Amino acid sequence: MTRTIIFTEKAPKPIGPYSQAVGVGNFLFVSGQIPIDPSTGQLVKGGVREQTERVLENVKAILEAAGFSLSNVAWVFVALKDLSKFSEFNEVYSRYFKENPPARMTVEVSNLPGGALVEISVIAVKD
């Protein structure tokens, strides 16, 4: 199967040796995204709500660059710096995945790149 590397200027440029996403067949594997504003290259200001929104906008931009949408997301991995902020995170997340939400795993981590409060990676699939 052919691998397709996905890149869009509408999401943060990779800050290491990885691709924003890789397509394989009908699957798209999106690398972990942190709340970097692609227009400034800086971490967005604010708390978990603001950072979750930026991360999901970054994920959405990568999906769209590959011809996918949020409705194609089958699995989500979430890393939160502080699980006590889960309800704030979930409030924003639920706006992006209103119907038929994907499977999800959420864990608390001790640290994230750039001091981010949240990082999200997804796997999407098309029929």
C-alpha atoms as a PDB file:
ATOM      1  CA  MET A   1       0.000   0.000   0.000  1.00  0.00           C
ATOM      2  CA  THR A   2       1.172   3.501  -0.804  1.00  0.00           C
ATOM      3  CA  ARG A   3       1.855   6.016   1.950  1.00  0.00           C
ATOM      4  CA  THR A   4       0.891   9.638   1.311  1.00  0.00           C
ATOM      5  CA  ILE A   5       2.448  12.408   3.380  1.00  0.00           C
ATOM      6  CA  ILE A   6       0.006  15.199   4.236  1.00  0.00           C
ATOM      7  CA  PHE A   7       1.049  18.807   4.831  1.00  0.00           C
ATOM      8  CA  THR A   8      -0.959  22.011   5.097  1.00  0.00           C
ATOM      9  CA  GLU A   9       0.036  25.574   6.003  1.00  0.00           C
ATOM     10  CA  LYS A  10      -3.300  25.777   7.888  1.00  0.00           C
ATOM     11  CA  ALA A  11      -1.828  23.690  10.714  1.00  0.00           C
ATOM     12  CA  PRO A  12       1.457  24.041  12.604  1.00  0.00           C
ATOM     13  CA  LYS A  13       4.581  22.903  10.817  1.00  0.00           C
ATOM     14  CA  PRO A  14       6.124  19.791  12.367  1.00  0.00           C
ATOM     15  CA  ILE A  15       8.723  20.672  14.996  1.00  0.00           C
ATOM     16  CA  GLY A  16      10.555  17.374  14.632  1.00  0.00           C
ATOM     17  CA  PRO A  17      11.085  14.416  12.315  1.00  0.00           C
ATOM     18  CA  TYR A  18       7.418  13.586  11.717  1.00  0.00           C
ATOM     19  CA  SER A  19       4.633  14.416   9.250  1.00  0.00           C
ATOM     20  CA  GLN A  20       1.407  16.227  10.092  1.00  0.00           C
ATOM     21  CA  ALA A  21      -0.368  13.115   8.846  1.00  0.00           C
ATOM     22  CA  VAL A  22       0.178   9.991   6.778  1.00  0.00           C
ATOM     23  CA  GLY A  23      -2.473   8.443   4.572  1.00  0.00           C
ATOM     24  CA  VAL A  24      -2.418   4.684   3.981  1.00  0.00           C
ATOM     25  CA  GLY A  25      -5.235   3.292   1.860  1.00  0.00           C
ATOM     26  CA  ASN A  26      -8.524   4.527   3.336  1.00  0.00           C
ATOM     27  CA  PHE A  27      -6.866   5.474   6.636  1.00  0.00           C
ATOM     28  CA  LEU A  28      -5.373   8.758   7.793  1.00  0.00           C
ATOM     29  CA  PHE A  29      -3.065   8.862  10.824  1.00  0.00           C
ATOM     30  CA  VAL A  30      -2.795  12.404  12.213  1.00  0.00           C
ATOM     31  CA  SER A  31       0.189  13.176  14.430  1.00  0.00           C
ATOM     32  CA  GLY A  32      -0.354  14.640  17.867  1.00  0.00           C
ATOM     33  CA  GLN A  33      -1.292  18.286  17.622  1.00  0.00           C
ATOM     34  CA  ILE A  34      -0.651  20.861  20.307  1.00  0.00           C
ATOM     35  CA  PRO A  35      -2.286  24.322  20.491  1.00  0.00           C
ATOM     36  CA  ILE A  36       0.066  26.181  18.198  1.00  0.00           C
ATOM     37  CA  ASP A  37      -1.510  28.892  16.076  1.00  0.00           C
ATOM     38  CA  PRO A  38      -0.217  28.178  12.551  1.00  0.00           C
ATOM     39  CA  SER A  39      -0.294  31.880  11.632  1.00  0.00           C
ATOM     40  CA  THR A  40       2.089  32.846  14.452  1.00  0.00           C
ATOM     41  CA  GLY A  41       3.864  29.591  15.304  1.00  0.00           C
ATOM     42  CA  GLN A  42       3.143  30.337  18.971  1.00  0.00           C
ATOM     43  CA  LEU A  43       1.199  28.475  21.646  1.00  0.00           C
ATOM     44  CA  VAL A  44      -2.238  30.082  22.058  1.00  0.00           C
ATOM     45  CA  LYS A  45      -2.966  31.971  25.254  1.00  0.00           C
ATOM     46  CA  GLY A  46      -5.601  30.760  27.664  1.00  0.00           C
ATOM     47  CA  GLY A  47      -6.558  27.599  29.444  1.00  0.00           C
ATOM     48  CA  VAL A  48      -7.719  24.142  28.443  1.00  0.00           C
ATOM     49  CA  ARG A  49     -10.815  25.425  26.603  1.00  0.00           C
ATOM     50  CA  GLU A  50      -8.866  27.770  24.336  1.00  0.00           C
ATOM     51  CA  GLN A  51      -6.093  25.257  23.776  1.00  0.00           C
ATOM     52  CA  THR A  52      -8.506  22.412  22.977  1.00  0.00           C
ATOM     53  CA  GLU A  53     -10.261  24.566  20.396  1.00  0.00           C
ATOM     54  CA  ARG A  54      -6.960  25.435  18.694  1.00  0.00           C
ATOM     55  CA  VAL A  55      -5.828  21.806  18.696  1.00  0.00           C
ATOM     56  CA  LEU A  56      -9.101  20.621  17.154  1.00  0.00           C
ATOM     57  CA  GLU A  57      -8.944  23.371  14.515  1.00  0.00           C
ATOM     58  CA  ASN A  58      -5.425  22.163  13.664  1.00  0.00           C
ATOM     59  CA  VAL A  59      -6.641  18.556  13.430  1.00  0.00           C
ATOM     60  CA  LYS A  60      -9.595  19.650  11.281  1.00  0.00           C
ATOM     61  CA  ALA A  61      -7.283  21.547   8.878  1.00  0.00           C
ATOM     62  CA  ILE A  62      -5.055  18.479   8.440  1.00  0.00           C
ATOM     63  CA  LEU A  63      -8.050  16.208   7.869  1.00  0.00           C
ATOM     64  CA  GLU A  64      -9.445  18.603   5.245  1.00  0.00           C
ATOM     65  CA  ALA A  65      -6.067  18.861   3.489  1.00  0.00           C
ATOM     66  CA  ALA A  66      -6.221  15.085   3.032  1.00  0.00           C
ATOM     67  CA  GLY A  67      -9.848  15.091   1.830  1.00  0.00           C
ATOM     68  CA  PHE A  68     -11.264  13.890   5.174  1.00  0.00           C
ATOM     69  CA  SER A  69     -13.503  15.543   7.760  1.00  0.00           C
ATOM     70  CA  LEU A  70     -14.167  15.232  11.468  1.00  0.00           C
ATOM     71  CA  SER A  71     -16.986  12.819  10.636  1.00  0.00           C
ATOM     72  CA  ASN A  72     -14.336  10.390   9.317  1.00  0.00           C
ATOM     73  CA  VAL A  73     -12.526  10.240  12.658  1.00  0.00           C
ATOM     74  CA  ALA A  74     -12.740   6.748  14.144  1.00  0.00           C
ATOM     75  CA  TRP A  75     -10.326   7.040  17.079  1.00  0.00           C
ATOM     76  CA  VAL A  76      -8.959   9.911  19.189  1.00  0.00           C
ATOM     77  CA  PHE A  77      -6.046   9.907  21.625  1.00  0.00           C
ATOM     78  CA  VAL A  78      -6.026  12.795  24.112  1.00  0.00           C
ATOM     79  CA  ALA A  79      -3.179  13.723  26.440  1.00  0.00           C
ATOM     80  CA  LEU A  80      -4.152  16.222  29.143  1.00  0.00           C
ATOM     81  CA  LYS A  81      -1.646  17.828  31.480  1.00  0.00           C
ATOM     82  CA  ASP A  82      -4.293  17.874  34.239  1.00  0.00           C
ATOM     83  CA  LEU A  83      -7.246  15.472  34.287  1.00  0.00           C
ATOM     84  CA  SER A  84      -9.078  17.761  36.703  1.00  0.00           C
ATOM     85  CA  LYS A  85      -9.637  19.942  33.604  1.00  0.00           C
ATOM     86  CA  PHE A  86     -11.404  17.082  31.791  1.00  0.00           C
ATOM     87  CA  SER A  87     -14.868  18.670  31.938  1.00  0.00           C
ATOM     88  CA  GLU A  88     -13.523  21.916  30.412  1.00  0.00           C
ATOM     89  CA  PHE A  89     -11.805  19.916  27.689  1.00  0.00           C
ATOM     90  CA  ASN A  90     -14.909  17.798  27.076  1.00  0.00           C
ATOM     91  CA  GLU A  91     -17.132  20.890  26.781  1.00  0.00           C
ATOM     92  CA  VAL A  92     -15.137  22.074  23.744  1.00  0.00           C
ATOM     93  CA  TYR A  93     -14.508  18.579  22.341  1.00  0.00           C
ATOM     94  CA  SER A  94     -18.240  17.778  22.304  1.00  0.00           C
ATOM     95  CA  ARG A  95     -18.883  20.737  19.967  1.00  0.00           C
ATOM     96  CA  TYR A  96     -16.627  19.142  17.340  1.00  0.00           C
ATOM     97  CA  PHE A  97     -17.989  15.603  17.654  1.00  0.00           C
ATOM     98  CA  LYS A  98     -21.747  16.074  18.111  1.00  0.00           C
ATOM     99  CA  GLU A  99     -23.137  12.978  16.392  1.00  0.00           C
ATOM    100  CA  ASN A 100     -21.703   9.467  16.326  1.00  0.00           C
ATOM    101  CA  PRO A 101     -18.543  10.453  18.224  1.00  0.00           C
ATOM    102  CA  PRO A 102     -15.385   8.423  17.666  1.00  0.00           C
ATOM    103  CA  ALA A 103     -13.788   6.047  20.136  1.00  0.00           C
ATOM    104  CA  ARG A 104     -11.482   7.933  22.474  1.00  0.00           C
ATOM    105  CA  MET A 105      -8.721   7.429  25.012  1.00  0.00           C
ATOM    106  CA  THR A 106      -7.766  10.206  27.440  1.00  0.00           C
ATOM    107  CA  VAL A 107      -4.750  10.136  29.739  1.00  0.00           C
ATOM    108  CA  GLU A 108      -3.040  12.556  32.083  1.00  0.00           C
ATOM    109  CA  VAL A 109       0.607  13.238  31.303  1.00  0.00           C
ATOM    110  CA  SER A 110       3.324  14.974  33.292  1.00  0.00           C
ATOM    111  CA  ASN A 111       4.392  17.280  30.474  1.00  0.00           C
ATOM    112  CA  LEU A 112       3.679  18.208  26.850  1.00  0.00           C
ATOM    113  CA  PRO A 113       5.774  20.009  24.213  1.00  0.00           C
ATOM    114  CA  GLY A 114       5.997  23.768  24.626  1.00  0.00           C
ATOM    115  CA  GLY A 115       4.122  23.697  27.919  1.00  0.00           C
ATOM    116  CA  ALA A 116       0.845  22.797  26.188  1.00  0.00           C
ATOM    117  CA  LEU A 117      -2.094  21.675  28.305  1.00  0.00           C
ATOM    118  CA  VAL A 118      -3.522  19.273  25.691  1.00  0.00           C
ATOM    119  CA  GLU A 119      -2.341  17.190  22.730  1.00  0.00           C
ATOM    120  CA  ILE A 120      -4.633  15.252  20.401  1.00  0.00           C
ATOM    121  CA  SER A 121      -3.958  12.622  17.745  1.00  0.00           C
ATOM    122  CA  VAL A 122      -6.586  10.944  15.557  1.00  0.00           C
ATOM    123  CA  ILE A 123      -7.096   8.090  13.137  1.00  0.00           C
ATOM    124  CA  ALA A 124      -9.673   8.671  10.408  1.00  0.00           C
ATOM    125  CA  VAL A 125     -11.083   6.284   7.833  1.00  0.00           C
ATOM    126  CA  LYS A 126     -13.138   6.626   4.655  1.00  0.00           C
ATOM    127  CA  ASP A 127     -15.501   3.967   3.273  1.00  0.00           C
END
